[in-house]
Amino acid sequence: MRSVAKMADGQPLARTLRGWARTARLRWALAAFSVAVAALVAGCGGSSSTQTTPSASQAPQSSAPAGGGTTVTATETEYKITLSRTSFTPGTYTFVAKDSGHVPHALEINGPGVSNQVIPQTLQPGQSSNLTVTLKAGTYEIWCPVDGHKGLGMDLKVHVG
């Protein structure tokens, strides 16, 4: 007669080990799924606004500064804004926001005489848009208003003097 090792609850040891292995595989699968969902949510930026994806026939949007003044390029990537200049004097500036990243971005400016001015649309990767403002002496905040991006580092303070 063959002897079968048993657990304290009377279940055969081999059967119990198969159950533990199945449970461990399920836990790993659940962990991998959770990481994948978290990565997708983080990549989307969590924006609640309605956005349209450009068709393959559309070229990235870019237009010449309409408002005149000094042109400043604001290059946006994950999760950083880089300005083409760091020194500002009072005057009119056209900020050319360029989404050089892999997720949608936008640009907003607030400060003396400029109350939460934002580019006309959320930019898809490769697109650009212009925002012309007149800056007075003082401190301005420039940030990406897409949900969560400001908190991830897309927030600058610029002194005009």
Protein backbone atom coordinates (compact mmCIF):
# COMPACT_ATOMS: atom_id res chain seq x y z
CA MET A 1 0.00 0.00 0.00
CA ARG A 2 1.26 3.45 -0.94
CA SER A 3 1.62 6.06 1.81
CA VAL A 4 0.47 9.61 0.99
CA ALA A 5 1.84 12.54 2.99
CA LYS A 6 -1.01 14.55 4.48
CA MET A 7 -1.39 18.02 5.94
CA ALA A 8 -2.79 18.62 9.42
CA ASP A 9 -6.27 19.19 7.95
CA GLY A 10 -6.18 15.77 6.28
CA GLN A 11 -5.64 17.05 2.72
CA PRO A 12 -2.93 15.29 0.66
CA LEU A 13 0.32 17.30 0.66
CA ALA A 14 0.66 17.26 -3.17
CA ARG A 15 -2.86 18.66 -3.59
CA THR A 16 -2.16 21.44 -1.08
CA LEU A 17 1.12 22.38 -2.83
CA ARG A 18 -0.67 22.60 -6.22
CA GLY A 19 -3.22 24.97 -4.63
CA TRP A 20 -0.46 27.16 -3.20
CA ALA A 21 1.30 27.28 -6.58
CA ARG A 22 -1.96 28.28 -8.31
CA THR A 23 -2.56 30.99 -5.70
CA ALA A 24 1.00 32.34 -6.14
CA ARG A 25 0.56 32.49 -9.96
CA LEU A 26 -2.71 34.37 -9.53
CA ARG A 27 -1.09 36.84 -7.16
CA TRP A 28 1.74 37.49 -9.66
CA ALA A 29 -0.74 37.93 -12.49
CA LEU A 30 -2.81 40.36 -10.42
CA ALA A 31 0.32 42.33 -9.46
CA ALA A 32 1.43 42.55 -13.12
CA PHE A 33 -2.06 43.67 -14.18
CA SER A 34 -2.11 46.34 -11.44
CA VAL A 35 1.26 47.72 -12.56
CA ALA A 36 0.08 47.84 -16.19
CA VAL A 37 -3.11 49.72 -15.25
CA ALA A 38 -1.15 52.18 -13.09
CA ALA A 39 1.25 52.86 -15.98
CA LEU A 40 -1.64 53.50 -18.38
CA VAL A 41 -3.36 55.86 -15.96
CA ALA A 42 -0.15 57.77 -15.29
CA GLY A 43 0.54 58.06 -19.02
CA CYS A 44 -2.91 59.45 -19.69
CA GLY A 45 -2.40 62.29 -17.24
CA GLY A 46 -5.82 61.67 -15.77
CA SER A 47 -7.33 64.57 -17.67
CA SER A 48 -11.09 64.76 -17.51
CA SER A 49 -11.38 67.07 -20.50
CA THR A 50 -12.48 65.79 -23.87
CA GLN A 51 -9.59 65.54 -26.29
CA THR A 52 -9.50 64.56 -29.92
CA THR A 53 -6.65 62.66 -31.47
CA PRO A 54 -5.39 64.14 -34.73
CA SER A 55 -5.87 61.97 -37.81
CA ALA A 56 -2.90 60.62 -39.70
CA SER A 57 -3.40 63.27 -42.39
CA GLN A 58 -3.05 66.18 -39.97
CA ALA A 59 0.36 67.73 -39.55
CA PRO A 60 1.50 69.05 -36.16
CA GLN A 61 -0.01 72.49 -35.61
CA SER A 62 2.28 75.46 -35.59
CA SER A 63 1.70 79.05 -36.47
CA ALA A 64 3.78 82.17 -36.55
CA PRO A 65 3.46 84.52 -33.60
CA ALA A 66 0.35 86.61 -34.30
CA GLY A 67 0.70 89.05 -31.44
CA GLY A 68 4.24 90.16 -32.12
CA GLY A 69 6.74 90.87 -29.40
CA THR A 70 9.54 88.54 -28.40
CA THR A 71 9.12 84.85 -29.18
CA VAL A 72 9.83 82.40 -26.35
CA THR A 73 9.71 78.67 -27.03
CA ALA A 74 8.27 76.60 -24.17
CA THR A 75 9.25 72.98 -24.82
CA GLU A 76 7.09 70.55 -22.83
CA THR A 77 8.11 66.97 -22.11
CA GLU A 78 7.34 64.52 -19.31
CA TYR A 79 7.34 66.30 -16.81
CA LYS A 80 9.33 69.43 -17.49
CA ILE A 81 8.96 72.82 -19.17
CA THR A 82 12.07 74.34 -20.74
CA LEU A 83 11.99 77.98 -21.87
CA SER A 84 14.26 79.25 -24.68
CA ARG A 85 15.16 82.23 -22.51
CA THR A 86 15.47 82.80 -18.76
CA SER A 87 15.77 86.60 -18.61
CA PHE A 88 12.67 88.74 -19.09
CA THR A 89 12.03 92.49 -19.18
CA PRO A 90 8.57 94.07 -19.28
CA GLY A 91 6.99 93.79 -22.72
CA THR A 92 4.98 91.62 -25.07
CA TYR A 93 5.97 87.97 -25.47
CA THR A 94 4.60 85.20 -27.66
CA PHE A 95 5.09 81.86 -25.96
CA VAL A 96 5.25 79.03 -28.50
CA ALA A 97 4.26 75.93 -26.53
CA LYS A 98 5.65 72.76 -28.14
CA ASP A 99 4.64 69.30 -26.95
CA SER A 100 7.84 67.33 -27.46
CA GLY A 101 6.71 64.57 -25.12
CA HIS A 102 4.62 61.43 -25.49
CA VAL A 103 1.45 62.59 -23.70
CA PRO A 104 -0.84 65.64 -24.07
CA HIS A 105 0.31 68.94 -22.53
CA ALA A 106 -0.90 72.55 -22.31
CA LEU A 107 0.52 75.88 -21.09
CA GLU A 108 -0.91 78.44 -18.68
CA ILE A 109 0.53 81.73 -17.38
CA ASN A 110 -0.52 83.78 -14.36
CA GLY A 111 0.97 86.92 -12.84
CA PRO A 112 0.63 90.72 -12.69
CA GLY A 113 -1.83 91.75 -15.40
CA VAL A 114 -2.04 88.19 -16.77
CA SER A 115 -4.87 86.22 -15.21
CA ASN A 116 -4.62 82.49 -15.97
CA GLN A 117 -3.98 82.86 -19.71
CA VAL A 118 -3.94 79.43 -21.37
CA ILE A 119 -3.22 78.21 -24.90
CA PRO A 120 -6.41 77.57 -26.90
CA GLN A 121 -6.25 73.75 -26.80
CA THR A 122 -4.51 70.83 -25.18
CA LEU A 123 -1.56 69.82 -27.34
CA GLN A 124 -1.08 66.30 -28.59
CA PRO A 125 2.52 65.05 -28.99
CA GLY A 126 4.19 66.94 -31.84
CA GLN A 127 1.75 69.87 -31.83
CA SER A 128 2.43 73.49 -30.91
CA SER A 129 0.34 76.56 -30.13
CA ASN A 130 0.96 80.24 -29.41
CA LEU A 131 0.02 82.40 -26.44
CA THR A 132 0.77 86.14 -26.55
CA VAL A 133 0.85 88.06 -23.28
CA THR A 134 2.15 91.41 -22.05
CA LEU A 135 4.37 90.93 -19.00
CA LYS A 136 4.83 93.65 -16.39
CA ALA A 137 7.48 93.75 -13.67
CA GLY A 138 6.84 90.97 -11.16
CA THR A 139 6.78 87.20 -10.78
CA TYR A 140 4.83 84.93 -13.11
CA GLU A 141 3.96 81.28 -12.85
CA ILE A 142 4.07 79.13 -15.99
CA TRP A 143 2.71 75.58 -15.77
CA CYS A 144 1.01 72.69 -17.54
CA PRO A 145 -2.67 72.63 -16.48
CA VAL A 146 -3.24 69.02 -17.62
CA ASP A 147 -4.39 67.10 -14.52
CA GLY A 148 -1.45 66.23 -12.28
CA HIS A 149 1.35 67.59 -14.48
CA LYS A 150 1.97 70.70 -12.37
CA GLY A 151 2.55 68.52 -9.30
CA LEU A 152 4.95 66.31 -11.26
CA GLY A 153 7.27 69.27 -11.96
CA MET A 154 5.76 71.17 -14.89
CA ASP A 155 5.72 74.45 -12.97
CA LEU A 156 8.08 77.41 -13.37
CA LYS A 157 8.43 80.80 -11.71
CA VAL A 158 9.71 83.60 -13.96
CA HIS A 159 10.80 87.02 -12.69
CA VAL A 160 10.27 90.00 -14.99
CA GLY A 161 12.27 93.02 -13.98
